[in-house]
Amino acid sequence: MNRLKGMIAAGTLTGLILITVVVLSIRNANAAAEAISAPLTITQNQPDTALTGQEAVQAWQTYSAELENTIRVMQDREAQYQAELEAANATILQLQDQINSTNQTTSYREHEEHEEHEEYENND
């Protein structure tokens, strides 16, 4: 009877865990779908089309200067990210070289030890 109770308890706990996982998965899927369907709003400081003459020219020049500044900032960040990526890749290559040289040294030592044992076996 104890074995039957244990199996029922294990089955019940497994069922509860599965139900919890399914409910959380559905909730996360719904949240992701809402995030995807929400419109992405980017506020732009575009000049008003109702402006005329010199005001419109000045507004568009200001807008153009803001865009150029944004592009410079993005290019600076891109250069910084590229530098960080190159540094990370160099570090990875150094670590791989160290691991490979350690493995080769270990392999070479094992080979030498194996040959030493063979020499003693042949001397008998």
C-alpha atoms as a PDB file:
ATOM      1  CA  MET A   1       0.000   0.000   0.000  1.00  0.00           C
ATOM      2  CA  ASN A   2       2.862   2.407   0.707  1.00  0.00           C
ATOM      3  CA  ARG A   3       4.233   1.850  -2.774  1.00  0.00           C
ATOM      4  CA  LEU A   4       0.866   2.706  -4.332  1.00  0.00           C
ATOM      5  CA  LYS A   5       0.603   5.897  -2.261  1.00  0.00           C
ATOM      6  CA  GLY A   6       4.118   6.870  -3.294  1.00  0.00           C
ATOM      7  CA  MET A   7       3.309   6.366  -6.979  1.00  0.00           C
ATOM      8  CA  ILE A   8       0.116   8.395  -6.653  1.00  0.00           C
ATOM      9  CA  ALA A   9       1.963  11.206  -4.872  1.00  0.00           C
ATOM     10  CA  ALA A  10       4.731  11.207  -7.499  1.00  0.00           C
ATOM     11  CA  GLY A  11       2.173  11.258 -10.313  1.00  0.00           C
ATOM     12  CA  THR A  12       0.275  14.103  -8.682  1.00  0.00           C
ATOM     13  CA  LEU A  13       3.420  16.179  -8.201  1.00  0.00           C
ATOM     14  CA  THR A  14       4.497  15.505 -11.784  1.00  0.00           C
ATOM     15  CA  GLY A  15       1.073  16.585 -13.025  1.00  0.00           C
ATOM     16  CA  LEU A  16       1.167  19.793 -10.989  1.00  0.00           C
ATOM     17  CA  ILE A  17       4.617  20.623 -12.310  1.00  0.00           C
ATOM     18  CA  LEU A  18       3.509  20.003 -15.904  1.00  0.00           C
ATOM     19  CA  ILE A  19       0.404  22.148 -15.461  1.00  0.00           C
ATOM     20  CA  THR A  20       2.498  24.953 -13.930  1.00  0.00           C
ATOM     21  CA  VAL A  21       4.970  24.835 -16.814  1.00  0.00           C
ATOM     22  CA  VAL A  22       2.179  24.913 -19.408  1.00  0.00           C
ATOM     23  CA  VAL A  23       0.437  27.852 -17.707  1.00  0.00           C
ATOM     24  CA  LEU A  24       3.674  29.836 -17.446  1.00  0.00           C
ATOM     25  CA  SER A  25       4.535  29.070 -21.070  1.00  0.00           C
ATOM     26  CA  ILE A  26       1.152  30.289 -22.245  1.00  0.00           C
ATOM     27  CA  ARG A  27       1.469  33.446 -20.133  1.00  0.00           C
ATOM     28  CA  ASN A  28       4.945  34.169 -21.552  1.00  0.00           C
ATOM     29  CA  ALA A  29       3.749  33.503 -25.102  1.00  0.00           C
ATOM     30  CA  ASN A  30       0.851  35.937 -24.628  1.00  0.00           C
ATOM     31  CA  ALA A  31       3.155  38.594 -23.208  1.00  0.00           C
ATOM     32  CA  ALA A  32       5.573  38.146 -26.122  1.00  0.00           C
ATOM     33  CA  ALA A  33       2.719  38.381 -28.632  1.00  0.00           C
ATOM     34  CA  GLU A  34       1.502  41.607 -27.031  1.00  0.00           C
ATOM     35  CA  ALA A  35       5.003  43.057 -27.112  1.00  0.00           C
ATOM     36  CA  ILE A  36       5.362  42.187 -30.796  1.00  0.00           C
ATOM     37  CA  SER A  37       1.953  43.541 -31.766  1.00  0.00           C
ATOM     38  CA  ALA A  38       2.464  46.814 -29.886  1.00  0.00           C
ATOM     39  CA  PRO A  39       3.410  49.515 -32.358  1.00  0.00           C
ATOM     40  CA  LEU A  40       6.915  50.839 -32.091  1.00  0.00           C
ATOM     41  CA  THR A  41       6.714  54.570 -31.690  1.00  0.00           C
ATOM     42  CA  ILE A  42       9.751  56.661 -32.420  1.00  0.00           C
ATOM     43  CA  THR A  43       9.404  60.294 -31.667  1.00  0.00           C
ATOM     44  CA  GLN A  44      10.919  62.403 -34.327  1.00  0.00           C
ATOM     45  CA  ASN A  45      11.414  66.083 -34.088  1.00  0.00           C
ATOM     46  CA  GLN A  46      10.490  66.711 -37.680  1.00  0.00           C
ATOM     47  CA  PRO A  47       9.672  70.278 -38.487  1.00  0.00           C
ATOM     48  CA  ASP A  48       6.066  71.293 -38.782  1.00  0.00           C
ATOM     49  CA  THR A  49       4.889  71.425 -42.389  1.00  0.00           C
ATOM     50  CA  ALA A  50       2.834  74.529 -41.629  1.00  0.00           C
ATOM     51  CA  LEU A  51       5.991  76.649 -41.374  1.00  0.00           C
ATOM     52  CA  THR A  52       6.823  78.855 -44.313  1.00  0.00           C
ATOM     53  CA  GLY A  53       9.914  80.410 -45.755  1.00  0.00           C
ATOM     54  CA  GLN A  54      12.917  81.037 -43.573  1.00  0.00           C
ATOM     55  CA  GLU A  55      11.347  79.363 -40.509  1.00  0.00           C
ATOM     56  CA  ALA A  56      10.913  76.107 -42.416  1.00  0.00           C
ATOM     57  CA  VAL A  57      14.485  76.215 -43.716  1.00  0.00           C
ATOM     58  CA  GLN A  58      15.826  76.841 -40.210  1.00  0.00           C
ATOM     59  CA  ALA A  59      13.674  74.048 -38.743  1.00  0.00           C
ATOM     60  CA  TRP A  60      14.854  71.559 -41.371  1.00  0.00           C
ATOM     61  CA  GLN A  61      18.481  72.578 -40.857  1.00  0.00           C
ATOM     62  CA  THR A  62      18.115  72.023 -37.107  1.00  0.00           C
ATOM     63  CA  TYR A  63      16.480  68.661 -37.758  1.00  0.00           C
ATOM     64  CA  SER A  64      19.279  67.723 -40.158  1.00  0.00           C
ATOM     65  CA  ALA A  65      21.918  68.689 -37.588  1.00  0.00           C
ATOM     66  CA  GLU A  66      20.187  66.509 -34.971  1.00  0.00           C
ATOM     67  CA  LEU A  67      20.158  63.563 -37.368  1.00  0.00           C
ATOM     68  CA  GLU A  68      23.841  64.050 -38.197  1.00  0.00           C
ATOM     69  CA  ASN A  69      24.677  64.164 -34.496  1.00  0.00           C
ATOM     70  CA  THR A  70      22.703  60.972 -33.921  1.00  0.00           C
ATOM     71  CA  ILE A  71      24.548  59.262 -36.758  1.00  0.00           C
ATOM     72  CA  ARG A  72      27.921  60.328 -35.321  1.00  0.00           C
ATOM     73  CA  VAL A  73      26.975  58.949 -31.911  1.00  0.00           C
ATOM     74  CA  MET A  74      25.879  55.671 -33.503  1.00  0.00           C
ATOM     75  CA  GLN A  75      29.110  55.446 -35.505  1.00  0.00           C
ATOM     76  CA  ASP A  76      31.165  56.106 -32.375  1.00  0.00           C
ATOM     77  CA  ARG A  77      29.297  53.374 -30.522  1.00  0.00           C
ATOM     78  CA  GLU A  78      29.760  51.002 -33.454  1.00  0.00           C
ATOM     79  CA  ALA A  79      33.516  51.666 -33.438  1.00  0.00           C
ATOM     80  CA  GLN A  80      33.622  51.053 -29.685  1.00  0.00           C
ATOM     81  CA  TYR A  81      31.680  47.783 -30.060  1.00  0.00           C
ATOM     82  CA  GLN A  82      33.995  46.649 -32.855  1.00  0.00           C
ATOM     83  CA  ALA A  83      37.045  47.380 -30.691  1.00  0.00           C
ATOM     84  CA  GLU A  84      35.536  45.436 -27.797  1.00  0.00           C
ATOM     85  CA  LEU A  85      34.695  42.528 -30.103  1.00  0.00           C
ATOM     86  CA  GLU A  86      38.222  42.450 -31.479  1.00  0.00           C
ATOM     87  CA  ALA A  87      39.665  42.493 -27.947  1.00  0.00           C
ATOM     88  CA  ALA A  88      37.347  39.680 -26.899  1.00  0.00           C
ATOM     89  CA  ASN A  89      38.256  37.624 -29.975  1.00  0.00           C
ATOM     90  CA  ALA A  90      41.963  38.167 -29.298  1.00  0.00           C
ATOM     91  CA  THR A  91      41.466  37.000 -25.711  1.00  0.00           C
ATOM     92  CA  ILE A  92      39.619  33.916 -26.899  1.00  0.00           C
ATOM     93  CA  LEU A  93      42.388  33.093 -29.368  1.00  0.00           C
ATOM     94  CA  GLN A  94      45.030  33.510 -26.650  1.00  0.00           C
ATOM     95  CA  LEU A  95      43.141  31.207 -24.301  1.00  0.00           C
ATOM     96  CA  GLN A  96      42.693  28.630 -27.058  1.00  0.00           C
ATOM     97  CA  ASP A  97      46.408  28.776 -27.829  1.00  0.00           C
ATOM     98  CA  GLN A  98      47.234  28.305 -24.153  1.00  0.00           C
ATOM     99  CA  ILE A  99      44.876  25.344 -23.872  1.00  0.00           C
ATOM    100  CA  ASN A 100      46.232  23.791 -27.053  1.00  0.00           C
ATOM    101  CA  SER A 101      49.855  24.215 -25.972  1.00  0.00           C
ATOM    102  CA  THR A 102      49.036  22.720 -22.558  1.00  0.00           C
ATOM    103  CA  ASN A 103      47.308  19.777 -24.222  1.00  0.00           C
ATOM    104  CA  GLN A 104      50.225  19.257 -26.596  1.00  0.00           C
ATOM    105  CA  THR A 105      52.741  19.365 -23.743  1.00  0.00           C
ATOM    106  CA  THR A 106      50.698  16.898 -21.733  1.00  0.00           C
ATOM    107  CA  SER A 107      50.321  14.630 -24.730  1.00  0.00           C
ATOM    108  CA  TYR A 108      54.068  14.801 -25.430  1.00  0.00           C
ATOM    109  CA  ARG A 109      54.884  13.927 -21.796  1.00  0.00           C
ATOM    110  CA  GLU A 110      52.502  10.974 -21.862  1.00  0.00           C
ATOM    111  CA  HIS A 111      54.116   9.771 -25.081  1.00  0.00           C
ATOM    112  CA  GLU A 112      57.607  10.028 -23.510  1.00  0.00           C
ATOM    113  CA  GLU A 113      56.464   8.161 -20.388  1.00  0.00           C
ATOM    114  CA  HIS A 114      54.955   5.433 -22.541  1.00  0.00           C
ATOM    115  CA  GLU A 115      58.218   5.051 -24.455  1.00  0.00           C
ATOM    116  CA  GLU A 116      60.199   4.888 -21.191  1.00  0.00           C
ATOM    117  CA  HIS A 117      58.010   2.035 -19.984  1.00  0.00           C
ATOM    118  CA  GLU A 118      58.490   0.207 -23.267  1.00  0.00           C
ATOM    119  CA  GLU A 119      62.292   0.491 -22.937  1.00  0.00           C
ATOM    120  CA  TYR A 120      62.194  -1.145 -19.508  1.00  0.00           C
ATOM    121  CA  GLU A 121      59.947  -3.913 -20.784  1.00  0.00           C
ATOM    122  CA  ASN A 122      62.328  -4.692 -23.661  1.00  0.00           C
ATOM    123  CA  ASN A 123      65.385  -4.830 -21.356  1.00  0.00           C
ATOM    124  CA  ASP A 124      64.090  -7.896 -19.485  1.00  0.00           C
END
